[in-house]
């Protein structure tokens, strides 16, 4: 019985801490050239992976190629909008006023580059 009580308390504390974690959302305007980026590992997955690998505290990345936006949910105590925009630029895509880095843009597949 004592074991079950301890287990329940641990589960409660774990989920309570998760719920208390602060989250913020940032939507940036970008330019997505391909029409299949969510199915292609070098396009949409590239954005997701690069942002998550570059920045700590990223919780969710949503790419919307029709609206040309990238929405990022993040922990504001671990990163900030400027750093997220730099991470998107490092993936080869513009992020509002932050332009994609030339090196990252050159590494994109041809379908990801503006025609």
PDB file of N, CA and C in Angstrom:
ATOM      1  N   UNK A   1       0.823  -1.183   0.000  1.00  0.00           N
ATOM      2  CA  UNK A   1       0.000   0.000   0.000  1.00  0.00           C
ATOM      3  C   UNK A   1       0.873   1.255   0.000  1.00  0.00           C
ATOM      4  N   UNK A   2       1.944   1.217   0.792  1.00  0.00           N
ATOM      5  CA  UNK A   2       2.838   2.363   0.861  1.00  0.00           C
ATOM      6  C   UNK A   2       3.483   2.608  -0.512  1.00  0.00           C
ATOM      7  N   UNK A   3       3.808   1.517  -1.219  1.00  0.00           N
ATOM      8  CA  UNK A   3       4.409   1.613  -2.548  1.00  0.00           C
ATOM      9  C   UNK A   3       3.448   2.286  -3.524  1.00  0.00           C
ATOM     10  N   UNK A   4       2.189   1.925  -3.501  1.00  0.00           N
ATOM     11  CA  UNK A   4       1.183   2.500  -4.397  1.00  0.00           C
ATOM     12  C   UNK A   4       1.007   3.987  -4.089  1.00  0.00           C
ATOM     13  N   UNK A   5       0.978   4.344  -2.838  1.00  0.00           N
ATOM     14  CA  UNK A   5       0.856   5.749  -2.450  1.00  0.00           C
ATOM     15  C   UNK A   5       2.040   6.569  -2.954  1.00  0.00           C
ATOM     16  N   UNK A   6       3.237   6.016  -2.804  1.00  0.00           N
ATOM     17  CA  UNK A   6       4.441   6.703  -3.291  1.00  0.00           C
ATOM     18  C   UNK A   6       4.422   6.840  -4.802  1.00  0.00           C
ATOM     19  N   UNK A   7       3.973   5.810  -5.476  1.00  0.00           N
ATOM     20  CA  UNK A   7       3.889   5.832  -6.927  1.00  0.00           C
ATOM     21  C   UNK A   7       2.891   6.888  -7.399  1.00  0.00           C
ATOM     22  N   UNK A   8       1.725   6.931  -6.760  1.00  0.00           N
ATOM     23  CA  UNK A   8       0.720   7.919  -7.126  1.00  0.00           C
ATOM     24  C   UNK A   8       1.216   9.343  -6.875  1.00  0.00           C
ATOM     25  N   UNK A   9       1.901   9.549  -5.760  1.00  0.00           N
ATOM     26  CA  UNK A   9       2.455  10.863  -5.455  1.00  0.00           C
ATOM     27  C   UNK A   9       3.489  11.271  -6.505  1.00  0.00           C
ATOM     28  N   UNK A  10       4.330  10.348  -6.908  1.00  0.00           N
ATOM     29  CA  UNK A  10       5.341  10.635  -7.931  1.00  0.00           C
ATOM     30  C   UNK A  10       4.695  11.015  -9.257  1.00  0.00           C
ATOM     31  N   UNK A  11       3.688  10.264  -9.654  1.00  0.00           N
ATOM     32  CA  UNK A  11       2.977  10.550 -10.901  1.00  0.00           C
ATOM     33  C   UNK A  11       2.313  11.919 -10.820  1.00  0.00           C
ATOM     34  N   UNK A  12       1.685  12.219  -9.711  1.00  0.00           N
ATOM     35  CA  UNK A  12       1.030  13.512  -9.527  1.00  0.00           C
ATOM     36  C   UNK A  12       2.038  14.653  -9.614  1.00  0.00           C
ATOM     37  N   UNK A  13       3.173  14.514  -8.965  1.00  0.00           N
ATOM     38  CA  UNK A  13       4.195  15.556  -8.991  1.00  0.00           C
ATOM     39  C   UNK A  13       4.777  15.736 -10.384  1.00  0.00           C
ATOM     40  N   UNK A  14       4.977  14.628 -11.092  1.00  0.00           N
ATOM     41  CA  UNK A  14       5.521  14.694 -12.449  1.00  0.00           C
ATOM     42  C   UNK A  14       4.582  15.463 -13.370  1.00  0.00           C
ATOM     43  N   UNK A  15       3.316  15.097 -13.378  1.00  0.00           N
ATOM     44  CA  UNK A  15       2.357  15.762 -14.256  1.00  0.00           C
ATOM     45  C   UNK A  15       2.061  17.192 -13.795  1.00  0.00           C
ATOM     46  N   UNK A  16       2.136  17.433 -12.526  1.00  0.00           N
ATOM     47  CA  UNK A  16       1.957  18.791 -12.020  1.00  0.00           C
ATOM     48  C   UNK A  16       3.085  19.696 -12.487  1.00  0.00           C
ATOM     49  N   UNK A  17       4.298  19.185 -12.477  1.00  0.00           N
ATOM     50  CA  UNK A  17       5.449  19.968 -12.945  1.00  0.00           C
ATOM     51  C   UNK A  17       5.345  20.220 -14.440  1.00  0.00           C
ATOM     52  N   UNK A  18       4.885  19.244 -15.188  1.00  0.00           N
ATOM     53  CA  UNK A  18       4.718  19.406 -16.631  1.00  0.00           C
ATOM     54  C   UNK A  18       3.678  20.481 -16.931  1.00  0.00           C
ATOM     55  N   UNK A  19       2.592  20.474 -16.191  1.00  0.00           N
ATOM     56  CA  UNK A  19       1.521  21.440 -16.417  1.00  0.00           C
ATOM     57  C   UNK A  19       1.960  22.853 -16.035  1.00  0.00           C
ATOM     58  N   UNK A  20       2.842  22.956 -15.053  1.00  0.00           N
ATOM     59  CA  UNK A  20       3.285  24.265 -14.580  1.00  0.00           C
ATOM     60  C   UNK A  20       4.328  24.898 -15.499  1.00  0.00           C
ATOM     61  N   UNK A  21       4.916  24.103 -16.386  1.00  0.00           N
ATOM     62  CA  UNK A  21       5.939  24.629 -17.278  1.00  0.00           C
ATOM     63  C   UNK A  21       5.341  25.699 -18.191  1.00  0.00           C
ATOM     64  N   UNK A  22       5.979  26.829 -18.249  1.00  0.00           N
ATOM     65  CA  UNK A  22       5.481  27.932 -19.065  1.00  0.00           C
ATOM     66  C   UNK A  22       5.815  27.682 -20.531  1.00  0.00           C
ATOM     67  N   UNK A  23       4.862  28.027 -21.394  1.00  0.00           N
ATOM     68  CA  UNK A  23       5.051  27.866 -22.826  1.00  0.00           C
ATOM     69  C   UNK A  23       4.659  29.153 -23.524  1.00  0.00           C
ATOM     70  N   UNK A  24       5.328  29.419 -24.604  1.00  0.00           N
ATOM     71  CA  UNK A  24       4.998  30.569 -25.434  1.00  0.00           C
ATOM     72  C   UNK A  24       4.955  30.095 -26.883  1.00  0.00           C
ATOM     73  N   UNK A  25       4.293  30.871 -27.717  1.00  0.00           N
ATOM     74  CA  UNK A  25       4.175  30.515 -29.132  1.00  0.00           C
ATOM     75  C   UNK A  25       4.656  31.679 -29.984  1.00  0.00           C
ATOM     76  N   UNK A  26       5.419  31.342 -30.996  1.00  0.00           N
ATOM     77  CA  UNK A  26       5.942  32.322 -31.933  1.00  0.00           C
ATOM     78  C   UNK A  26       5.578  31.871 -33.342  1.00  0.00           C
ATOM     79  N   UNK A  27       4.997  32.757 -34.128  1.00  0.00           N
ATOM     80  CA  UNK A  27       4.715  32.469 -35.534  1.00  0.00           C
ATOM     81  C   UNK A  27       5.538  33.419 -36.375  1.00  0.00           C
ATOM     82  N   UNK A  28       6.374  32.850 -37.249  1.00  0.00           N
ATOM     83  CA  UNK A  28       7.220  33.663 -38.114  1.00  0.00           C
ATOM     84  C   UNK A  28       6.807  33.485 -39.564  1.00  0.00           C
ATOM     85  N   UNK A  29       6.948  34.541 -40.314  1.00  0.00           N
ATOM     86  CA  UNK A  29       6.684  34.511 -41.741  1.00  0.00           C
ATOM     87  C   UNK A  29       7.949  34.038 -42.429  1.00  0.00           C
ATOM     88  N   UNK A  30       7.787  33.161 -43.400  1.00  0.00           N
ATOM     89  CA  UNK A  30       8.922  32.620 -44.127  1.00  0.00           C
ATOM     90  C   UNK A  30       8.547  32.510 -45.593  1.00  0.00           C
ATOM     91  N   UNK A  31       9.366  31.859 -46.364  1.00  0.00           N
ATOM     92  CA  UNK A  31       9.067  31.603 -47.763  1.00  0.00           C
ATOM     93  C   UNK A  31       9.376  30.141 -48.039  1.00  0.00           C
ATOM     94  N   UNK A  32       8.333  29.370 -48.260  1.00  0.00           N
ATOM     95  CA  UNK A  32       8.490  27.943 -48.527  1.00  0.00           C
ATOM     96  C   UNK A  32       8.190  27.727 -50.005  1.00  0.00           C
ATOM     97  N   UNK A  33       9.198  27.293 -50.762  1.00  0.00           N
ATOM     98  CA  UNK A  33       9.070  27.191 -52.211  1.00  0.00           C
ATOM     99  C   UNK A  33       8.421  25.889 -52.672  1.00  0.00           C
ATOM    100  N   UNK A  34       8.621  24.827 -51.944  1.00  0.00           N
ATOM    101  CA  UNK A  34       8.112  23.535 -52.423  1.00  0.00           C
ATOM    102  C   UNK A  34       6.649  23.337 -52.025  1.00  0.00           C
ATOM    103  N   UNK A  35       5.976  22.467 -52.745  1.00  0.00           N
ATOM    104  CA  UNK A  35       4.566  22.204 -52.464  1.00  0.00           C
ATOM    105  C   UNK A  35       4.371  20.883 -51.729  1.00  0.00           C
ATOM    106  N   UNK A  36       5.460  20.261 -51.345  1.00  0.00           N
ATOM    107  CA  UNK A  36       5.371  18.959 -50.680  1.00  0.00           C
ATOM    108  C   UNK A  36       6.240  18.884 -49.424  1.00  0.00           C
ATOM    109  N   UNK A  37       6.528  20.022 -48.827  1.00  0.00           N
ATOM    110  CA  UNK A  37       7.527  20.057 -47.755  1.00  0.00           C
ATOM    111  C   UNK A  37       7.157  19.215 -46.539  1.00  0.00           C
ATOM    112  N   UNK A  38       5.884  19.005 -46.300  1.00  0.00           N
ATOM    113  CA  UNK A  38       5.520  18.214 -45.121  1.00  0.00           C
ATOM    114  C   UNK A  38       5.711  16.722 -45.351  1.00  0.00           C
ATOM    115  N   UNK A  39       5.824  16.291 -46.586  1.00  0.00           N
ATOM    116  CA  UNK A  39       6.059  14.884 -46.887  1.00  0.00           C
ATOM    117  C   UNK A  39       7.531  14.583 -47.151  1.00  0.00           C
ATOM    118  N   UNK A  40       8.307  15.617 -47.409  1.00  0.00           N
ATOM    119  CA  UNK A  40       9.698  15.450 -47.822  1.00  0.00           C
ATOM    120  C   UNK A  40      10.635  15.600 -46.621  1.00  0.00           C
ATOM    121  N   UNK A  41      11.515  14.631 -46.436  1.00  0.00           N
ATOM    122  CA  UNK A  41      12.407  14.670 -45.269  1.00  0.00           C
ATOM    123  C   UNK A  41      13.421  15.798 -45.354  1.00  0.00           C
ATOM    124  N   UNK A  42      13.714  16.282 -46.556  1.00  0.00           N
ATOM    125  CA  UNK A  42      14.700  17.349 -46.661  1.00  0.00           C
ATOM    126  C   UNK A  42      14.074  18.728 -46.547  1.00  0.00           C
ATOM    127  N   UNK A  43      12.773  18.812 -46.507  1.00  0.00           N
ATOM    128  CA  UNK A  43      12.106  20.123 -46.433  1.00  0.00           C
ATOM    129  C   UNK A  43      11.528  20.349 -45.039  1.00  0.00           C
ATOM    130  N   UNK A  44      10.282  19.968 -44.836  1.00  0.00           N
ATOM    131  CA  UNK A  44       9.608  20.203 -43.552  1.00  0.00           C
ATOM    132  C   UNK A  44      10.316  19.550 -42.375  1.00  0.00           C
ATOM    133  N   UNK A  45      10.788  18.324 -42.568  1.00  0.00           N
ATOM    134  CA  UNK A  45      11.491  17.639 -41.482  1.00  0.00           C
ATOM    135  C   UNK A  45      12.803  18.345 -41.177  1.00  0.00           C
ATOM    136  N   UNK A  46      13.442  18.898 -42.202  1.00  0.00           N
ATOM    137  CA  UNK A  46      14.680  19.648 -42.011  1.00  0.00           C
ATOM    138  C   UNK A  46      14.450  20.831 -41.075  1.00  0.00           C
ATOM    139  N   UNK A  47      13.364  21.567 -41.310  1.00  0.00           N
ATOM    140  CA  UNK A  47      13.059  22.719 -40.457  1.00  0.00           C
ATOM    141  C   UNK A  47      12.875  22.254 -39.016  1.00  0.00           C
ATOM    142  N   UNK A  48      12.055  21.242 -38.837  1.00  0.00           N
ATOM    143  CA  UNK A  48      11.771  20.718 -37.500  1.00  0.00           C
ATOM    144  C   UNK A  48      13.051  20.259 -36.802  1.00  0.00           C
ATOM    145  N   UNK A  49      13.828  19.435 -37.481  1.00  0.00           N
ATOM    146  CA  UNK A  49      15.044  18.886 -36.869  1.00  0.00           C
ATOM    147  C   UNK A  49      16.068  19.961 -36.557  1.00  0.00           C
ATOM    148  N   UNK A  50      16.296  20.869 -37.487  1.00  0.00           N
ATOM    149  CA  UNK A  50      17.309  21.915 -37.273  1.00  0.00           C
ATOM    150  C   UNK A  50      16.943  22.813 -36.099  1.00  0.00           C
ATOM    151  N   UNK A  51      15.674  23.197 -36.026  1.00  0.00           N
ATOM    152  CA  UNK A  51      15.260  24.073 -34.925  1.00  0.00           C
ATOM    153  C   UNK A  51      15.410  23.344 -33.603  1.00  0.00           C
ATOM    154  N   UNK A  52      14.959  22.106 -33.547  1.00  0.00           N
ATOM    155  CA  UNK A  52      15.044  21.336 -32.300  1.00  0.00           C
ATOM    156  C   UNK A  52      16.493  21.038 -31.914  1.00  0.00           C
ATOM    157  N   UNK A  53      17.349  20.771 -32.910  1.00  0.00           N
ATOM    158  CA  UNK A  53      18.757  20.480 -32.622  1.00  0.00           C
ATOM    159  C   UNK A  53      19.517  21.726 -32.191  1.00  0.00           C
ATOM    160  N   UNK A  54      19.129  22.868 -32.725  1.00  0.00           N
ATOM    161  CA  UNK A  54      19.845  24.112 -32.456  1.00  0.00           C
ATOM    162  C   UNK A  54      19.427  24.746 -31.135  1.00  0.00           C
ATOM    163  N   UNK A  55      18.149  24.702 -30.840  1.00  0.00           N
ATOM    164  CA  UNK A  55      17.622  25.425 -29.680  1.00  0.00           C
ATOM    165  C   UNK A  55      17.048  24.496 -28.616  1.00  0.00           C
ATOM    166  N   UNK A  56      17.436  24.708 -27.391  1.00  0.00           N
ATOM    167  CA  UNK A  56      16.843  24.006 -26.252  1.00  0.00           C
ATOM    168  C   UNK A  56      15.498  24.644 -25.939  1.00  0.00           C
ATOM    169  N   UNK A  57      14.568  23.879 -25.449  1.00  0.00           N
ATOM    170  CA  UNK A  57      13.291  24.425 -25.016  1.00  0.00           C
ATOM    171  C   UNK A  57      12.214  24.443 -26.085  1.00  0.00           C
ATOM    172  N   UNK A  58      12.511  23.921 -27.272  1.00  0.00           N
ATOM    173  CA  UNK A  58      11.504  23.861 -28.328  1.00  0.00           C
ATOM    174  C   UNK A  58      10.570  22.697 -28.035  1.00  0.00           C
ATOM    175  N   UNK A  59       9.290  22.983 -27.959  1.00  0.00           N
ATOM    176  CA  UNK A  59       8.298  21.951 -27.643  1.00  0.00           C
ATOM    177  C   UNK A  59       7.584  21.421 -28.886  1.00  0.00           C
ATOM    178  N   UNK A  60       7.312  22.318 -29.841  1.00  0.00           N
ATOM    179  CA  UNK A  60       6.545  21.912 -31.016  1.00  0.00           C
ATOM    180  C   UNK A  60       6.880  22.855 -32.167  1.00  0.00           C
ATOM    181  N   UNK A  61       6.962  22.289 -33.378  1.00  0.00           N
ATOM    182  CA  UNK A  61       7.208  23.079 -34.578  1.00  0.00           C
ATOM    183  C   UNK A  61       6.136  22.704 -35.591  1.00  0.00           C
ATOM    184  N   UNK A  62       5.439  23.711 -36.103  1.00  0.00           N
ATOM    185  CA  UNK A  62       4.399  23.461 -37.104  1.00  0.00           C
ATOM    186  C   UNK A  62       4.696  24.305 -38.327  1.00  0.00           C
ATOM    187  N   UNK A  63       4.881  23.633 -39.457  1.00  0.00           N
ATOM    188  CA  UNK A  63       5.155  24.307 -40.714  1.00  0.00           C
ATOM    189  C   UNK A  63       3.852  24.384 -41.501  1.00  0.00           C
ATOM    190  N   UNK A  64       3.512  25.576 -41.964  1.00  0.00           N
ATOM    191  CA  UNK A  64       2.315  25.767 -42.786  1.00  0.00           C
ATOM    192  C   UNK A  64       2.760  26.338 -44.131  1.00  0.00           C
ATOM    193  N   UNK A  65       2.977  25.458 -45.127  1.00  0.00           N
ATOM    194  CA  UNK A  65       3.482  25.932 -46.418  1.00  0.00           C
ATOM    195  C   UNK A  65       2.500  26.825 -47.171  1.00  0.00           C
ATOM    196  N   UNK A  66       1.208  26.644 -46.963  1.00  0.00           N
ATOM    197  CA  UNK A  66       0.221  27.483 -47.663  1.00  0.00           C
ATOM    198  C   UNK A  66       0.249  28.918 -47.136  1.00  0.00           C
ATOM    199  N   UNK A  67       0.402  29.069 -45.839  1.00  0.00           N
ATOM    200  CA  UNK A  67       0.453  30.403 -45.228  1.00  0.00           C
ATOM    201  C   UNK A  67       1.879  30.944 -45.165  1.00  0.00           C
ATOM    202  N   UNK A  68       2.867  30.099 -45.536  1.00  0.00           N
ATOM    203  CA  UNK A  68       4.283  30.472 -45.433  1.00  0.00           C
ATOM    204  C   UNK A  68       4.641  30.919 -44.021  1.00  0.00           C
ATOM    205  N   UNK A  69       4.254  30.090 -43.052  1.00  0.00           N
ATOM    206  CA  UNK A  69       4.577  30.387 -41.657  1.00  0.00           C
ATOM    207  C   UNK A  69       5.173  29.159 -40.972  1.00  0.00           C
ATOM    208  N   UNK A  70       5.916  29.426 -39.943  1.00  0.00           N
ATOM    209  CA  UNK A  70       6.419  28.386 -39.043  1.00  0.00           C
ATOM    210  C   UNK A  70       6.016  28.825 -37.646  1.00  0.00           C
ATOM    211  N   UNK A  71       5.258  27.978 -36.961  1.00  0.00           N
ATOM    212  CA  UNK A  71       4.816  28.280 -35.604  1.00  0.00           C
ATOM    213  C   UNK A  71       5.592  27.385 -34.650  1.00  0.00           C
ATOM    214  N   UNK A  72       6.206  28.000 -33.663  1.00  0.00           N
ATOM    215  CA  UNK A  72       7.046  27.283 -32.703  1.00  0.00           C
ATOM    216  C   UNK A  72       6.502  27.514 -31.303  1.00  0.00           C
ATOM    217  N   UNK A  73       6.259  26.420 -30.594  1.00  0.00           N
ATOM    218  CA  UNK A  73       5.900  26.485 -29.180  1.00  0.00           C
ATOM    219  C   UNK A  73       7.175  26.187 -28.399  1.00  0.00           C
ATOM    220  N   UNK A  74       7.486  27.032 -27.427  1.00  0.00           N
ATOM    221  CA  UNK A  74       8.777  26.915 -26.747  1.00  0.00           C
ATOM    222  C   UNK A  74       8.663  27.309 -25.278  1.00  0.00           C
ATOM    223  N   UNK A  75       9.698  26.966 -24.532  1.00  0.00           N
ATOM    224  CA  UNK A  75       9.804  27.339 -23.122  1.00  0.00           C
ATOM    225  C   UNK A  75      10.577  28.660 -23.057  1.00  0.00           C
ATOM    226  N   UNK A  76       9.913  29.759 -22.673  1.00  0.00           N
ATOM    227  CA  UNK A  76      10.577  31.064 -22.689  1.00  0.00           C
ATOM    228  C   UNK A  76      11.748  31.195 -21.705  1.00  0.00           C
ATOM    229  N   UNK A  77      11.852  30.296 -20.764  1.00  0.00           N
ATOM    230  CA  UNK A  77      12.992  30.357 -19.851  1.00  0.00           C
ATOM    231  C   UNK A  77      14.231  29.669 -20.444  1.00  0.00           C
ATOM    232  N   UNK A  78      14.071  29.017 -21.609  1.00  0.00           N
ATOM    233  CA  UNK A  78      15.193  28.320 -22.228  1.00  0.00           C
ATOM    234  C   UNK A  78      15.624  28.914 -23.570  1.00  0.00           C
ATOM    235  N   UNK A  79      14.736  29.637 -24.227  1.00  0.00           N
ATOM    236  CA  UNK A  79      15.069  30.267 -25.506  1.00  0.00           C
ATOM    237  C   UNK A  79      14.189  31.491 -25.700  1.00  0.00           C
ATOM    238  N   UNK A  80      14.388  32.185 -26.803  1.00  0.00           N
ATOM    239  CA  UNK A  80      13.609  33.394 -27.054  1.00  0.00           C
ATOM    240  C   UNK A  80      13.354  33.537 -28.555  1.00  0.00           C
ATOM    241  N   UNK A  81      12.472  34.441 -28.955  1.00  0.00           N
ATOM    242  CA  UNK A  81      12.144  34.579 -30.377  1.00  0.00           C
ATOM    243  C   UNK A  81      13.347  34.853 -31.282  1.00  0.00           C
ATOM    244  N   UNK A  82      14.283  35.660 -30.829  1.00  0.00           N
ATOM    245  CA  UNK A  82      15.453  35.960 -31.649  1.00  0.00           C
ATOM    246  C   UNK A  82      16.272  34.701 -31.925  1.00  0.00           C
ATOM    247  N   UNK A  83      16.470  33.888 -30.911  1.00  0.00           N
ATOM    248  CA  UNK A  83      17.236  32.649 -31.080  1.00  0.00           C
ATOM    249  C   UNK A  83      16.493  31.666 -31.992  1.00  0.00           C
ATOM    250  N   UNK A  84      15.178  31.607 -31.865  1.00  0.00           N
ATOM    251  CA  UNK A  84      14.385  30.711 -32.717  1.00  0.00           C
ATOM    252  C   UNK A  84      14.480  31.160 -34.175  1.00  0.00           C
ATOM    253  N   UNK A  85      14.408  32.452 -34.410  1.00  0.00           N
ATOM    254  CA  UNK A  85      14.525  32.969 -35.779  1.00  0.00           C
ATOM    255  C   UNK A  85      15.901  32.653 -36.359  1.00  0.00           C
ATOM    256  N   UNK A  86      16.941  32.757 -35.546  1.00  0.00           N
ATOM    257  CA  UNK A  86      18.285  32.402 -36.003  1.00  0.00           C
ATOM    258  C   UNK A  86      18.377  30.916 -36.338  1.00  0.00           C
ATOM    259  N   UNK A  87      17.695  30.073 -35.558  1.00  0.00           N
ATOM    260  CA  UNK A  87      17.696  28.633 -35.819  1.00  0.00           C
ATOM    261  C   UNK A  87      16.972  28.319 -37.131  1.00  0.00           C
ATOM    262  N   UNK A  88      15.885  29.017 -37.399  1.00  0.00           N
ATOM    263  CA  UNK A  88      15.164  28.829 -38.663  1.00  0.00           C
ATOM    264  C   UNK A  88      16.051  29.272 -39.826  1.00  0.00           C
ATOM    265  N   UNK A  89      16.736  30.410 -39.667  1.00  0.00           N
ATOM    266  CA  UNK A  89      17.660  30.896 -40.699  1.00  0.00           C
ATOM    267  C   UNK A  89      18.796  29.900 -40.920  1.00  0.00           C
ATOM    268  N   UNK A  90      19.255  29.263 -39.849  1.00  0.00           N
ATOM    269  CA  UNK A  90      20.319  28.261 -39.965  1.00  0.00           C
ATOM    270  C   UNK A  90      19.825  26.989 -40.654  1.00  0.00           C
ATOM    271  N   UNK A  91      18.506  26.810 -40.729  1.00  0.00           N
ATOM    272  CA  UNK A  91      17.933  25.673 -41.457  1.00  0.00           C
ATOM    273  C   UNK A  91      17.777  26.011 -42.941  1.00  0.00           C
ATOM    274  N   UNK A  92      18.020  27.270 -43.313  1.00  0.00           N
ATOM    275  CA  UNK A  92      17.963  27.666 -44.714  1.00  0.00           C
ATOM    276  C   UNK A  92      16.719  28.427 -45.116  1.00  0.00           C
ATOM    277  N   UNK A  93      15.933  28.865 -44.137  1.00  0.00           N
ATOM    278  CA  UNK A  93      14.685  29.563 -44.424  1.00  0.00           C
ATOM    279  C   UNK A  93      14.676  30.930 -43.756  1.00  0.00           C
ATOM    280  N   UNK A  94      14.043  31.905 -44.414  1.00  0.00           N
ATOM    281  CA  UNK A  94      13.886  33.226 -43.813  1.00  0.00           C
ATOM    282  C   UNK A  94      12.952  33.113 -42.613  1.00  0.00           C
ATOM    283  N   UNK A  95      13.148  33.986 -41.637  1.00  0.00           N
ATOM    284  CA  UNK A  95      12.300  34.034 -40.448  1.00  0.00           C
ATOM    285  C   UNK A  95      12.019  35.483 -40.128  1.00  0.00           C
ATOM    286  N   UNK A  96      10.899  35.991 -40.627  1.00  0.00           N
ATOM    287  CA  UNK A  96      10.570  37.409 -40.528  1.00  0.00           C
ATOM    288  C   UNK A  96      11.711  38.227 -41.140  1.00  0.00           C
ATOM    289  N   UNK A  97      12.326  39.092 -40.340  1.00  0.00           N
ATOM    290  CA  UNK A  97      13.387  39.952 -40.849  1.00  0.00           C
ATOM    291  C   UNK A  97      14.756  39.273 -40.900  1.00  0.00           C
ATOM    292  N   UNK A  98      14.885  38.086 -40.332  1.00  0.00           N
ATOM    293  CA  UNK A  98      16.154  37.356 -40.319  1.00  0.00           C
ATOM    294  C   UNK A  98      16.234  36.495 -41.583  1.00  0.00           C
ATOM    295  N   UNK A  99      17.202  36.783 -42.413  1.00  0.00           N
ATOM    296  CA  UNK A  99      17.360  36.068 -43.680  1.00  0.00           C
ATOM    297  C   UNK A  99      18.087  34.738 -43.460  1.00  0.00           C
ATOM    298  N   UNK A 100      17.743  33.768 -44.295  1.00  0.00           N
ATOM    299  CA  UNK A 100      18.402  32.461 -44.242  1.00  0.00           C
ATOM    300  C   UNK A 100      19.895  32.639 -44.486  1.00  0.00           C
ATOM    301  N   UNK A 101      20.692  31.852 -43.796  1.00  0.00           N
ATOM    302  CA  UNK A 101      22.132  31.934 -44.030  1.00  0.00           C
ATOM    303  C   UNK A 101      22.429  31.343 -45.408  1.00  0.00           C
ATOM    304  N   UNK A 102      23.382  31.924 -46.098  1.00  0.00           N
ATOM    305  CA  UNK A 102      23.714  31.494 -47.460  1.00  0.00           C
ATOM    306  C   UNK A 102      24.149  30.030 -47.482  1.00  0.00           C
ATOM    307  N   UNK A 103      24.958  29.643 -46.517  1.00  0.00           N
ATOM    308  CA  UNK A 103      25.445  28.265 -46.457  1.00  0.00           C
ATOM    309  C   UNK A 103      24.296  27.274 -46.279  1.00  0.00           C
ATOM    310  N   UNK A 104      23.383  27.572 -45.373  1.00  0.00           N
ATOM    311  CA  UNK A 104      22.247  26.681 -45.128  1.00  0.00           C
ATOM    312  C   UNK A 104      21.318  26.637 -46.335  1.00  0.00           C
ATOM    313  N   UNK A 105      21.099  27.783 -46.960  1.00  0.00           N
ATOM    314  CA  UNK A 105      20.234  27.836 -48.144  1.00  0.00           C
ATOM    315  C   UNK A 105      20.815  26.980 -49.270  1.00  0.00           C
ATOM    316  N   UNK A 106      22.112  27.041 -49.462  1.00  0.00           N
ATOM    317  CA  UNK A 106      22.766  26.253 -50.520  1.00  0.00           C
ATOM    318  C   UNK A 106      22.648  24.754 -50.281  1.00  0.00           C
ATOM    319  N   UNK A 107      22.535  24.342 -49.032  1.00  0.00           N
ATOM    320  CA  UNK A 107      22.424  22.918 -48.704  1.00  0.00           C
ATOM    321  C   UNK A 107      21.012  22.357 -48.903  1.00  0.00           C
ATOM    322  N   UNK A 108      20.035  23.241 -49.097  1.00  0.00           N
ATOM    323  CA  UNK A 108      18.664  22.778 -49.315  1.00  0.00           C
ATOM    324  C   UNK A 108      18.556  22.050 -50.645  1.00  0.00           C
ATOM    325  N   UNK A 109      17.612  21.118 -50.738  1.00  0.00           N
ATOM    326  CA  UNK A 109      17.311  20.477 -52.012  1.00  0.00           C
ATOM    327  C   UNK A 109      16.809  21.522 -52.994  1.00  0.00           C
ATOM    328  N   UNK A 110      16.930  21.242 -54.269  1.00  0.00           N
ATOM    329  CA  UNK A 110      16.481  22.167 -55.299  1.00  0.00           C
ATOM    330  C   UNK A 110      15.022  22.549 -55.168  1.00  0.00           C
ATOM    331  N   UNK A 111      14.188  21.612 -54.718  1.00  0.00           N
ATOM    332  CA  UNK A 111      12.749  21.899 -54.593  1.00  0.00           C
ATOM    333  C   UNK A 111      12.460  22.916 -53.493  1.00  0.00           C
ATOM    334  N   UNK A 112      13.380  23.093 -52.571  1.00  0.00           N
ATOM    335  CA  UNK A 112      13.177  24.009 -51.449  1.00  0.00           C
ATOM    336  C   UNK A 112      13.607  25.431 -51.773  1.00  0.00           C
ATOM    337  N   UNK A 113      14.327  25.599 -52.866  1.00  0.00           N
ATOM    338  CA  UNK A 113      14.851  26.916 -53.217  1.00  0.00           C
ATOM    339  C   UNK A 113      13.855  27.662 -54.095  1.00  0.00           C
ATOM    340  N   UNK A 114      13.809  28.978 -53.916  1.00  0.00           N
ATOM    341  CA  UNK A 114      12.911  29.817 -54.717  1.00  0.00           C
ATOM    342  C   UNK A 114      13.317  29.705 -56.180  1.00  0.00           C
ATOM    343  N   UNK A 115      12.325  29.675 -57.009  1.00  0.00           N
ATOM    344  CA  UNK A 115      12.580  29.546 -58.451  1.00  0.00           C
ATOM    345  C   UNK A 115      12.947  30.877 -59.042  1.00  0.00           C
TER     346      UNK A 115
END
